[in-house]
Amino acid sequence: MYSRKNTQNEKDTNKRVYFNMAENRAVVTNVRKINDRCIGFTLKCSGFSFYNLRAVQYNKSGDWFISVPATKGKDGKYYDNYGLYLREEDQNSILDTVFKTIVG
């Protein structure tokens, strides 16, 4: 329900190193509603934090995914500041926590 559809081929995704939330004691903090389709939050870990992450809703399907901060390049396109690869169950857990915090 929440996961972003993987558009890369299977071969590329097998090479990824996924972030281990339990090992890094990750906790969702600073949840704030930006608009109806975007919620900002911080993923605080042991010794570091991922700031300005966003839960974003697709326009067409209504599914939610987690987006990292991006910077606009000279060509007018946006580029991710870093890559954060999460397992589907971790992404769903983060999104559940974000939604529960917003709803109250």
PDB file of N, CA and C in Angstrom:
ATOM      1  N   MET A   1       0.816  -1.189   0.000  1.00  0.00           N
ATOM      2  CA  MET A   1       0.000   0.000   0.000  1.00  0.00           C
ATOM      3  C   MET A   1       0.862   1.256   0.000  1.00  0.00           C
ATOM      4  N   TYR A   2       1.945   1.275   0.768  1.00  0.00           N
ATOM      5  CA  TYR A   2       2.733   2.487   0.889  1.00  0.00           C
ATOM      6  C   TYR A   2       3.969   2.509   0.009  1.00  0.00           C
ATOM      7  N   SER A   3       4.406   1.370  -0.477  1.00  0.00           N
ATOM      8  CA  SER A   3       5.727   1.319  -1.091  1.00  0.00           C
ATOM      9  C   SER A   3       5.761   1.929  -2.482  1.00  0.00           C
ATOM     10  N   ARG A   4       6.863   2.585  -2.760  1.00  0.00           N
ATOM     11  CA  ARG A   4       7.091   3.163  -4.075  1.00  0.00           C
ATOM     12  C   ARG A   4       7.416   2.029  -5.036  1.00  0.00           C
ATOM     13  N   LYS A   5       6.861   2.087  -6.211  1.00  0.00           N
ATOM     14  CA  LYS A   5       7.120   1.055  -7.208  1.00  0.00           C
ATOM     15  C   LYS A   5       8.556   1.132  -7.671  1.00  0.00           C
ATOM     16  N   ASN A   6       9.234  -0.010  -7.719  1.00  0.00           N
ATOM     17  CA  ASN A   6      10.637  -0.048  -8.127  1.00  0.00           C
ATOM     18  C   ASN A   6      10.708  -0.083  -9.645  1.00  0.00           C
ATOM     19  N   THR A   7      11.289   0.950 -10.226  1.00  0.00           N
ATOM     20  CA  THR A   7      11.361   1.035 -11.677  1.00  0.00           C
ATOM     21  C   THR A   7      12.677   0.496 -12.223  1.00  0.00           C
ATOM     22  N   GLN A   8      13.640   0.217 -11.337  1.00  0.00           N
ATOM     23  CA  GLN A   8      14.906  -0.331 -11.805  1.00  0.00           C
ATOM     24  C   GLN A   8      14.796  -1.845 -11.917  1.00  0.00           C
ATOM     25  N   ASN A   9      15.671  -2.416 -12.737  1.00  0.00           N
ATOM     26  CA  ASN A   9      15.582  -3.854 -12.926  1.00  0.00           C
ATOM     27  C   ASN A   9      16.084  -4.612 -11.708  1.00  0.00           C
ATOM     28  N   GLU A  10      15.731  -5.882 -11.632  1.00  0.00           N
ATOM     29  CA  GLU A  10      16.047  -6.749 -10.495  1.00  0.00           C
ATOM     30  C   GLU A  10      17.548  -6.828 -10.231  1.00  0.00           C
ATOM     31  N   LYS A  11      18.348  -6.848 -11.268  1.00  0.00           N
ATOM     32  CA  LYS A  11      19.799  -6.979 -11.146  1.00  0.00           C
ATOM     33  C   LYS A  11      20.395  -5.810 -10.363  1.00  0.00           C
ATOM     34  N   ASP A  12      19.940  -4.589 -10.640  1.00  0.00           N
ATOM     35  CA  ASP A  12      20.458  -3.402  -9.960  1.00  0.00           C
ATOM     36  C   ASP A  12      20.067  -3.368  -8.485  1.00  0.00           C
ATOM     37  N   THR A  13      18.839  -3.781  -8.174  1.00  0.00           N
ATOM     38  CA  THR A  13      18.375  -3.702  -6.789  1.00  0.00           C
ATOM     39  C   THR A  13      19.069  -4.726  -5.899  1.00  0.00           C
ATOM     40  N   ASN A  14      19.564  -5.816  -6.441  1.00  0.00           N
ATOM     41  CA  ASN A  14      20.276  -6.811  -5.642  1.00  0.00           C
ATOM     42  C   ASN A  14      21.610  -6.286  -5.146  1.00  0.00           C
ATOM     43  N   LYS A  15      22.186  -5.273  -5.783  1.00  0.00           N
ATOM     44  CA  LYS A  15      23.471  -4.701  -5.400  1.00  0.00           C
ATOM     45  C   LYS A  15      23.336  -3.637  -4.311  1.00  0.00           C
ATOM     46  N   ARG A  16      22.134  -3.203  -4.015  1.00  0.00           N
ATOM     47  CA  ARG A  16      21.923  -2.142  -3.047  1.00  0.00           C
ATOM     48  C   ARG A  16      22.206  -2.619  -1.627  1.00  0.00           C
ATOM     49  N   VAL A  17      22.684  -1.690  -0.824  1.00  0.00           N
ATOM     50  CA  VAL A  17      22.849  -1.935   0.600  1.00  0.00           C
ATOM     51  C   VAL A  17      21.691  -1.219   1.295  1.00  0.00           C
ATOM     52  N   TYR A  18      20.849  -1.994   1.942  1.00  0.00           N
ATOM     53  CA  TYR A  18      19.675  -1.426   2.585  1.00  0.00           C
ATOM     54  C   TYR A  18      20.001  -0.963   4.002  1.00  0.00           C
ATOM     55  N   PHE A  19      19.405   0.148   4.387  1.00  0.00           N
ATOM     56  CA  PHE A  19      19.592   0.714   5.713  1.00  0.00           C
ATOM     57  C   PHE A  19      18.925  -0.194   6.744  1.00  0.00           C
ATOM     58  N   ASN A  20      19.644  -0.552   7.799  1.00  0.00           N
ATOM     59  CA  ASN A  20      19.129  -1.409   8.854  1.00  0.00           C
ATOM     60  C   ASN A  20      18.596  -0.534   9.984  1.00  0.00           C
ATOM     61  N   MET A  21      17.272  -0.392  10.047  1.00  0.00           N
ATOM     62  CA  MET A  21      16.660   0.502  11.029  1.00  0.00           C
ATOM     63  C   MET A  21      16.854   0.020  12.459  1.00  0.00           C
ATOM     64  N   ALA A  22      16.716  -1.277  12.689  1.00  0.00           N
ATOM     65  CA  ALA A  22      16.840  -1.809  14.049  1.00  0.00           C
ATOM     66  C   ALA A  22      18.270  -1.637  14.567  1.00  0.00           C
ATOM     67  N   GLU A  23      19.242  -1.938  13.734  1.00  0.00           N
ATOM     68  CA  GLU A  23      20.645  -1.841  14.122  1.00  0.00           C
ATOM     69  C   GLU A  23      21.040  -0.401  14.457  1.00  0.00           C
ATOM     70  N   ASN A  24      20.456   0.557  13.762  1.00  0.00           N
ATOM     71  CA  ASN A  24      20.766   1.974  13.971  1.00  0.00           C
ATOM     72  C   ASN A  24      19.791   2.667  14.925  1.00  0.00           C
ATOM     73  N   ARG A  25      18.895   1.900  15.516  1.00  0.00           N
ATOM     74  CA  ARG A  25      17.897   2.410  16.471  1.00  0.00           C
ATOM     75  C   ARG A  25      17.158   3.629  15.910  1.00  0.00           C
ATOM     76  N   ALA A  26      16.633   3.496  14.717  1.00  0.00           N
ATOM     77  CA  ALA A  26      15.957   4.595  14.028  1.00  0.00           C
ATOM     78  C   ALA A  26      14.603   4.910  14.663  1.00  0.00           C
ATOM     79  N   VAL A  27      14.349   6.216  14.823  1.00  0.00           N
ATOM     80  CA  VAL A  27      13.107   6.709  15.399  1.00  0.00           C
ATOM     81  C   VAL A  27      12.615   7.877  14.550  1.00  0.00           C
ATOM     82  N   VAL A  28      11.329   7.908  14.260  1.00  0.00           N
ATOM     83  CA  VAL A  28      10.726   9.007  13.500  1.00  0.00           C
ATOM     84  C   VAL A  28      10.434  10.159  14.456  1.00  0.00           C
ATOM     85  N   THR A  29      10.920  11.366  14.104  1.00  0.00           N
ATOM     86  CA  THR A  29      10.682  12.559  14.924  1.00  0.00           C
ATOM     87  C   THR A  29      10.297  13.738  14.035  1.00  0.00           C
ATOM     88  N   ASN A  30       9.906  14.830  14.664  1.00  0.00           N
ATOM     89  CA  ASN A  30       9.625  16.109  13.983  1.00  0.00           C
ATOM     90  C   ASN A  30       8.668  15.957  12.801  1.00  0.00           C
ATOM     91  N   VAL A  31       7.597  15.235  12.990  1.00  0.00           N
ATOM     92  CA  VAL A  31       6.611  15.037  11.919  1.00  0.00           C
ATOM     93  C   VAL A  31       5.796  16.307  11.756  1.00  0.00           C
ATOM     94  N   ARG A  32       5.675  16.778  10.510  1.00  0.00           N
ATOM     95  CA  ARG A  32       4.913  17.987  10.228  1.00  0.00           C
ATOM     96  C   ARG A  32       4.226  17.864   8.871  1.00  0.00           C
ATOM     97  N   LYS A  33       2.964  18.274   8.842  1.00  0.00           N
ATOM     98  CA  LYS A  33       2.188  18.222   7.603  1.00  0.00           C
ATOM     99  C   LYS A  33       2.532  19.430   6.756  1.00  0.00           C
ATOM    100  N   ILE A  34       2.984  19.174   5.528  1.00  0.00           N
ATOM    101  CA  ILE A  34       3.324  20.256   4.605  1.00  0.00           C
ATOM    102  C   ILE A  34       2.100  20.626   3.784  1.00  0.00           C
ATOM    103  N   ASN A  35       1.423  19.619   3.240  1.00  0.00           N
ATOM    104  CA  ASN A  35       0.140  19.793   2.562  1.00  0.00           C
ATOM    105  C   ASN A  35      -0.568  18.436   2.555  1.00  0.00           C
ATOM    106  N   ASP A  36      -1.675  18.313   1.828  1.00  0.00           N
ATOM    107  CA  ASP A  36      -2.453  17.065   1.846  1.00  0.00           C
ATOM    108  C   ASP A  36      -1.706  15.875   1.259  1.00  0.00           C
ATOM    109  N   ARG A  37      -0.703  16.106   0.443  1.00  0.00           N
ATOM    110  CA  ARG A  37       0.038  15.028  -0.220  1.00  0.00           C
ATOM    111  C   ARG A  37       1.494  14.923   0.210  1.00  0.00           C
ATOM    112  N   CYS A  38       1.892  15.687   1.217  1.00  0.00           N
ATOM    113  CA  CYS A  38       3.301  15.698   1.625  1.00  0.00           C
ATOM    114  C   CYS A  38       3.421  15.925   3.133  1.00  0.00           C
ATOM    115  N   ILE A  39       4.178  15.039   3.803  1.00  0.00           N
ATOM    116  CA  ILE A  39       4.423  15.135   5.234  1.00  0.00           C
ATOM    117  C   ILE A  39       5.931  15.070   5.450  1.00  0.00           C
ATOM    118  N   GLY A  40       6.493  16.047   6.137  1.00  0.00           N
ATOM    119  CA  GLY A  40       7.919  16.068   6.412  1.00  0.00           C
ATOM    120  C   GLY A  40       8.225  15.405   7.743  1.00  0.00           C
ATOM    121  N   PHE A  41       9.420  14.833   7.878  1.00  0.00           N
ATOM    122  CA  PHE A  41       9.836  14.225   9.136  1.00  0.00           C
ATOM    123  C   PHE A  41      11.344  14.019   9.152  1.00  0.00           C
ATOM    124  N   THR A  42      11.864  13.670  10.330  1.00  0.00           N
ATOM    125  CA  THR A  42      13.272  13.346  10.525  1.00  0.00           C
ATOM    126  C   THR A  42      13.363  11.900  10.970  1.00  0.00           C
ATOM    127  N   LEU A  43      14.342  11.181  10.470  1.00  0.00           N
ATOM    128  CA  LEU A  43      14.626   9.819  10.909  1.00  0.00           C
ATOM    129  C   LEU A  43      15.889   9.897  11.764  1.00  0.00           C
ATOM    130  N   LYS A  44      15.699   9.870  13.091  1.00  0.00           N
ATOM    131  CA  LYS A  44      16.802  10.023  14.033  1.00  0.00           C
ATOM    132  C   LYS A  44      17.376   8.642  14.347  1.00  0.00           C
ATOM    133  N   CYS A  45      18.692   8.525  14.215  1.00  0.00           N
ATOM    134  CA  CYS A  45      19.373   7.249  14.423  1.00  0.00           C
ATOM    135  C   CYS A  45      20.442   7.400  15.495  1.00  0.00           C
ATOM    136  N   SER A  46      21.109   6.318  15.790  1.00  0.00           N
ATOM    137  CA  SER A  46      22.173   6.330  16.786  1.00  0.00           C
ATOM    138  C   SER A  46      23.394   7.056  16.214  1.00  0.00           C
ATOM    139  N   GLY A  47      23.584   8.324  16.596  1.00  0.00           N
ATOM    140  CA  GLY A  47      24.749   9.076  16.162  1.00  0.00           C
ATOM    141  C   GLY A  47      24.556   9.946  14.936  1.00  0.00           C
ATOM    142  N   PHE A  48      23.423   9.874  14.267  1.00  0.00           N
ATOM    143  CA  PHE A  48      23.178  10.706  13.086  1.00  0.00           C
ATOM    144  C   PHE A  48      21.684  10.780  12.823  1.00  0.00           C
ATOM    145  N   SER A  49      21.291  11.705  11.952  1.00  0.00           N
ATOM    146  CA  SER A  49      19.883  11.877  11.593  1.00  0.00           C
ATOM    147  C   SER A  49      19.746  12.150  10.105  1.00  0.00           C
ATOM    148  N   PHE A  50      18.648  11.699   9.532  1.00  0.00           N
ATOM    149  CA  PHE A  50      18.276  12.037   8.153  1.00  0.00           C
ATOM    150  C   PHE A  50      17.191  13.105   8.258  1.00  0.00           C
ATOM    151  N   TYR A  51      17.550  14.353   7.957  1.00  0.00           N
ATOM    152  CA  TYR A  51      16.630  15.475   8.052  1.00  0.00           C
ATOM    153  C   TYR A  51      15.852  15.665   6.747  1.00  0.00           C
ATOM    154  N   ASN A  52      14.703  16.297   6.875  1.00  0.00           N
ATOM    155  CA  ASN A  52      13.882  16.712   5.726  1.00  0.00           C
ATOM    156  C   ASN A  52      13.445  15.569   4.822  1.00  0.00           C
ATOM    157  N   LEU A  53      13.242  14.383   5.393  1.00  0.00           N
ATOM    158  CA  LEU A  53      12.621  13.313   4.607  1.00  0.00           C
ATOM    159  C   LEU A  53      11.159  13.669   4.431  1.00  0.00           C
ATOM    160  N   ARG A  54      10.547  13.126   3.393  1.00  0.00           N
ATOM    161  CA  ARG A  54       9.145  13.418   3.120  1.00  0.00           C
ATOM    162  C   ARG A  54       8.388  12.145   2.777  1.00  0.00           C
ATOM    163  N   ALA A  55       7.176  12.057   3.286  1.00  0.00           N
ATOM    164  CA  ALA A  55       6.226  11.048   2.838  1.00  0.00           C
ATOM    165  C   ALA A  55       5.376  11.754   1.786  1.00  0.00           C
ATOM    166  N   VAL A  56       5.405  11.227   0.571  1.00  0.00           N
ATOM    167  CA  VAL A  56       4.742  11.893  -0.557  1.00  0.00           C
ATOM    168  C   VAL A  56       3.739  10.936  -1.179  1.00  0.00           C
ATOM    169  N   GLN A  57       2.581  11.466  -1.565  1.00  0.00           N
ATOM    170  CA  GLN A  57       1.541  10.657  -2.202  1.00  0.00           C
ATOM    171  C   GLN A  57       1.587  10.854  -3.706  1.00  0.00           C
ATOM    172  N   TYR A  58       1.586   9.718  -4.443  1.00  0.00           N
ATOM    173  CA  TYR A  58       1.497   9.774  -5.904  1.00  0.00           C
ATOM    174  C   TYR A  58       0.173  10.403  -6.310  1.00  0.00           C
ATOM    175  N   ASN A  59       0.170  11.169  -7.391  1.00  0.00           N
ATOM    176  CA  ASN A  59      -1.060  11.792  -7.878  1.00  0.00           C
ATOM    177  C   ASN A  59      -2.067  10.777  -8.388  1.00  0.00           C
ATOM    178  N   LYS A  60      -1.617   9.847  -9.215  1.00  0.00           N
ATOM    179  CA  LYS A  60      -2.542   8.934  -9.892  1.00  0.00           C
ATOM    180  C   LYS A  60      -2.996   7.776  -9.019  1.00  0.00           C
ATOM    181  N   SER A  61      -2.053   7.074  -8.395  1.00  0.00           N
ATOM    182  CA  SER A  61      -2.407   5.849  -7.671  1.00  0.00           C
ATOM    183  C   SER A  61      -2.827   6.102  -6.225  1.00  0.00           C
ATOM    184  N   GLY A  62      -2.364   7.191  -5.642  1.00  0.00           N
ATOM    185  CA  GLY A  62      -2.671   7.455  -4.244  1.00  0.00           C
ATOM    186  C   GLY A  62      -1.740   6.754  -3.274  1.00  0.00           C
ATOM    187  N   ASP A  63      -0.787   5.953  -3.773  1.00  0.00           N
ATOM    188  CA  ASP A  63       0.189   5.281  -2.918  1.00  0.00           C
ATOM    189  C   ASP A  63       1.154   6.306  -2.335  1.00  0.00           C
ATOM    190  N   TRP A  64       1.734   5.963  -1.180  1.00  0.00           N
ATOM    191  CA  TRP A  64       2.698   6.833  -0.511  1.00  0.00           C
ATOM    192  C   TRP A  64       4.095   6.251  -0.619  1.00  0.00           C
ATOM    193  N   PHE A  65       5.121   7.118  -0.669  1.00  0.00           N
ATOM    194  CA  PHE A  65       6.512   6.680  -0.674  1.00  0.00           C
ATOM    195  C   PHE A  65       7.345   7.688   0.115  1.00  0.00           C
ATOM    196  N   ILE A  66       8.561   7.277   0.468  1.00  0.00           N
ATOM    197  CA  ILE A  66       9.459   8.150   1.202  1.00  0.00           C
ATOM    198  C   ILE A  66      10.449   8.766   0.230  1.00  0.00           C
ATOM    199  N   SER A  67      10.606  10.079   0.322  1.00  0.00           N
ATOM    200  CA  SER A  67      11.483  10.832  -0.561  1.00  0.00           C
ATOM    201  C   SER A  67      12.575  11.511   0.259  1.00  0.00           C
ATOM    202  N   VAL A  68      13.790  11.506  -0.281  1.00  0.00           N
ATOM    203  CA  VAL A  68      14.904  12.190   0.375  1.00  0.00           C
ATOM    204  C   VAL A  68      15.004  13.623  -0.155  1.00  0.00           C
ATOM    205  N   PRO A  69      15.715  14.509   0.548  1.00  0.00           N
ATOM    206  CA  PRO A  69      15.869  15.879   0.065  1.00  0.00           C
ATOM    207  C   PRO A  69      16.551  15.915  -1.308  1.00  0.00           C
ATOM    208  N   ALA A  70      16.191  16.900  -2.105  1.00  0.00           N
ATOM    209  CA  ALA A  70      16.760  17.043  -3.443  1.00  0.00           C
ATOM    210  C   ALA A  70      17.173  18.498  -3.677  1.00  0.00           C
ATOM    211  N   THR A  71      18.100  18.661  -4.601  1.00  0.00           N
ATOM    212  CA  THR A  71      18.594  19.987  -4.977  1.00  0.00           C
ATOM    213  C   THR A  71      18.390  20.176  -6.472  1.00  0.00           C
ATOM    214  N   LYS A  72      17.975  21.381  -6.848  1.00  0.00           N
ATOM    215  CA  LYS A  72      17.751  21.687  -8.256  1.00  0.00           C
ATOM    216  C   LYS A  72      19.088  21.962  -8.937  1.00  0.00           C
ATOM    217  N   GLY A  73      19.342  21.237 -10.028  1.00  0.00           N
ATOM    218  CA  GLY A  73      20.577  21.421 -10.780  1.00  0.00           C
ATOM    219  C   GLY A  73      20.484  22.572 -11.756  1.00  0.00           C
ATOM    220  N   LYS A  74      21.603  22.901 -12.393  1.00  0.00           N
ATOM    221  CA  LYS A  74      21.644  23.992 -13.374  1.00  0.00           C
ATOM    222  C   LYS A  74      20.777  23.703 -14.591  1.00  0.00           C
ATOM    223  N   ASP A  75      20.500  22.415 -14.823  1.00  0.00           N
ATOM    224  CA  ASP A  75      19.666  22.031 -15.956  1.00  0.00           C
ATOM    225  C   ASP A  75      18.173  22.092 -15.631  1.00  0.00           C
ATOM    226  N   GLY A  76      17.829  22.505 -14.404  1.00  0.00           N
ATOM    227  CA  GLY A  76      16.432  22.630 -14.011  1.00  0.00           C
ATOM    228  C   GLY A  76      15.835  21.355 -13.435  1.00  0.00           C
ATOM    229  N   LYS A  77      16.568  20.251 -13.457  1.00  0.00           N
ATOM    230  CA  LYS A  77      16.089  18.989 -12.901  1.00  0.00           C
ATOM    231  C   LYS A  77      16.490  18.898 -11.435  1.00  0.00           C
ATOM    232  N   TYR A  78      15.728  18.092 -10.680  1.00  0.00           N
ATOM    233  CA  TYR A  78      16.037  17.888  -9.270  1.00  0.00           C
ATOM    234  C   TYR A  78      16.809  16.586  -9.087  1.00  0.00           C
ATOM    235  N   TYR A  79      17.823  16.630  -8.213  1.00  0.00           N
ATOM    236  CA  TYR A  79      18.672  15.476  -7.941  1.00  0.00           C
ATOM    237  C   TYR A  79      18.685  15.191  -6.443  1.00  0.00           C
ATOM    238  N   ASP A  80      18.515  13.918  -6.073  1.00  0.00           N
ATOM    239  CA  ASP A  80      18.542  13.526  -4.667  1.00  0.00           C
ATOM    240  C   ASP A  80      19.887  13.883  -4.046  1.00  0.00           C
ATOM    241  N   ASN A  81      19.858  14.383  -2.816  1.00  0.00           N
ATOM    242  CA  ASN A  81      21.092  14.722  -2.105  1.00  0.00           C
ATOM    243  C   ASN A  81      21.832  13.471  -1.649  1.00  0.00           C
ATOM    244  N   TYR A  82      21.127  12.400  -1.405  1.00  0.00           N
ATOM    245  CA  TYR A  82      21.719  11.118  -1.028  1.00  0.00           C
ATOM    246  C   TYR A  82      20.710  10.012  -1.300  1.00  0.00           C
ATOM    247  N   GLY A  83      21.173   8.791  -1.286  1.00  0.00           N
ATOM    248  CA  GLY A  83      20.292   7.644  -1.463  1.00  0.00           C
ATOM    249  C   GLY A  83      20.048   6.971  -0.125  1.00  0.00           C
ATOM    250  N   LEU A  84      18.829   6.611   0.142  1.00  0.00           N
ATOM    251  CA  LEU A  84      18.469   5.882   1.352  1.00  0.00           C
ATOM    252  C   LEU A  84      17.572   4.731   0.925  1.00  0.00           C
ATOM    253  N   TYR A  85      18.110   3.534   0.943  1.00  0.00           N
ATOM    254  CA  TYR A  85      17.357   2.368   0.506  1.00  0.00           C
ATOM    255  C   TYR A  85      16.787   1.647   1.705  1.00  0.00           C
ATOM    256  N   LEU A  86      15.462   1.547   1.747  1.00  0.00           N
ATOM    257  CA  LEU A  86      14.757   0.915   2.851  1.00  0.00           C
ATOM    258  C   LEU A  86      14.046  -0.343   2.359  1.00  0.00           C
ATOM    259  N   ARG A  87      14.041  -1.361   3.210  1.00  0.00           N
ATOM    260  CA  ARG A  87      13.238  -2.545   2.910  1.00  0.00           C
ATOM    261  C   ARG A  87      11.771  -2.139   2.986  1.00  0.00           C
ATOM    262  N   GLU A  88      10.928  -2.848   2.263  1.00  0.00           N
ATOM    263  CA  GLU A  88       9.508  -2.505   2.202  1.00  0.00           C
ATOM    264  C   GLU A  88       8.870  -2.478   3.590  1.00  0.00           C
ATOM    265  N   GLU A  89       9.202  -3.446   4.440  1.00  0.00           N
ATOM    266  CA  GLU A  89       8.601  -3.483   5.780  1.00  0.00           C
ATOM    267  C   GLU A  89       9.059  -2.294   6.630  1.00  0.00           C
ATOM    268  N   ASP A  90      10.303  -1.844   6.452  1.00  0.00           N
ATOM    269  CA  ASP A  90      10.782  -0.672   7.171  1.00  0.00           C
ATOM    270  C   ASP A  90      10.102   0.600   6.675  1.00  0.00           C
ATOM    271  N   GLN A  91       9.952   0.698   5.367  1.00  0.00           N
ATOM    272  CA  GLN A  91       9.271   1.862   4.795  1.00  0.00           C
ATOM    273  C   GLN A  91       7.828   1.919   5.286  1.00  0.00           C
ATOM    274  N   ASN A  92       7.153   0.784   5.302  1.00  0.00           N
ATOM    275  CA  ASN A  92       5.767   0.745   5.781  1.00  0.00           C
ATOM    276  C   ASN A  92       5.687   1.123   7.257  1.00  0.00           C
ATOM    277  N   SER A  93       6.657   0.676   8.048  1.00  0.00           N
ATOM    278  CA  SER A  93       6.689   1.005   9.471  1.00  0.00           C
ATOM    279  C   SER A  93       6.867   2.509   9.680  1.00  0.00           C
ATOM    280  N   ILE A  94       7.757   3.116   8.923  1.00  0.00           N
ATOM    281  CA  ILE A  94       7.981   4.568   9.011  1.00  0.00           C
ATOM    282  C   ILE A  94       6.714   5.317   8.625  1.00  0.00           C
ATOM    283  N   LEU A  95       6.103   4.935   7.520  1.00  0.00           N
ATOM    284  CA  LEU A  95       4.895   5.619   7.067  1.00  0.00           C
ATOM    285  C   LEU A  95       3.759   5.457   8.073  1.00  0.00           C
ATOM    286  N   ASP A  96       3.609   4.273   8.664  1.00  0.00           N
ATOM    287  CA  ASP A  96       2.583   4.071   9.691  1.00  0.00           C
ATOM    288  C   ASP A  96       2.796   5.015  10.867  1.00  0.00           C
ATOM    289  N   THR A  97       4.050   5.144  11.305  1.00  0.00           N
ATOM    290  CA  THR A  97       4.376   6.035  12.418  1.00  0.00           C
ATOM    291  C   THR A  97       4.083   7.489  12.057  1.00  0.00           C
ATOM    292  N   VAL A  98       4.463   7.891  10.852  1.00  0.00           N
ATOM    293  CA  VAL A  98       4.198   9.267  10.386  1.00  0.00           C
ATOM    294  C   VAL A  98       2.697   9.548  10.383  1.00  0.00           C
ATOM    295  N   PHE A  99       1.899   8.621   9.831  1.00  0.00           N
ATOM    296  CA  PHE A  99       0.448   8.838   9.754  1.00  0.00           C
ATOM    297  C   PHE A  99      -0.195   8.868  11.142  1.00  0.00           C
ATOM    298  N   LYS A 100       0.247   7.995  12.038  1.00  0.00           N
ATOM    299  CA  LYS A 100      -0.294   7.973  13.397  1.00  0.00           C
ATOM    300  C   LYS A 100       0.022   9.268  14.129  1.00  0.00           C
ATOM    301  N   THR A 101       1.194   9.834  13.883  1.00  0.00           N
ATOM    302  CA  THR A 101       1.583  11.083  14.529  1.00  0.00           C
ATOM    303  C   THR A 101       0.737  12.237  14.025  1.00  0.00           C
ATOM    304  N   ILE A 102       0.492  12.260  12.723  1.00  0.00           N
ATOM    305  CA  ILE A 102      -0.315  13.341  12.130  1.00  0.00           C
ATOM    306  C   ILE A 102      -1.759  13.278  12.608  1.00  0.00           C
ATOM    307  N   VAL A 103      -2.314  12.078  12.647  1.00  0.00           N
ATOM    308  CA  VAL A 103      -3.711  11.902  13.049  1.00  0.00           C
ATOM    309  C   VAL A 103      -3.881  12.198  14.530  1.00  0.00           C
ATOM    310  N   GLY A 104      -2.864  11.833  15.308  1.00  0.00           N
ATOM    311  CA  GLY A 104      -2.884  12.142  16.734  1.00  0.00           C
ATOM    312  C   GLY A 104      -3.336  10.998  17.500  1.00  0.00           C
TER     313      GLY A 104
END
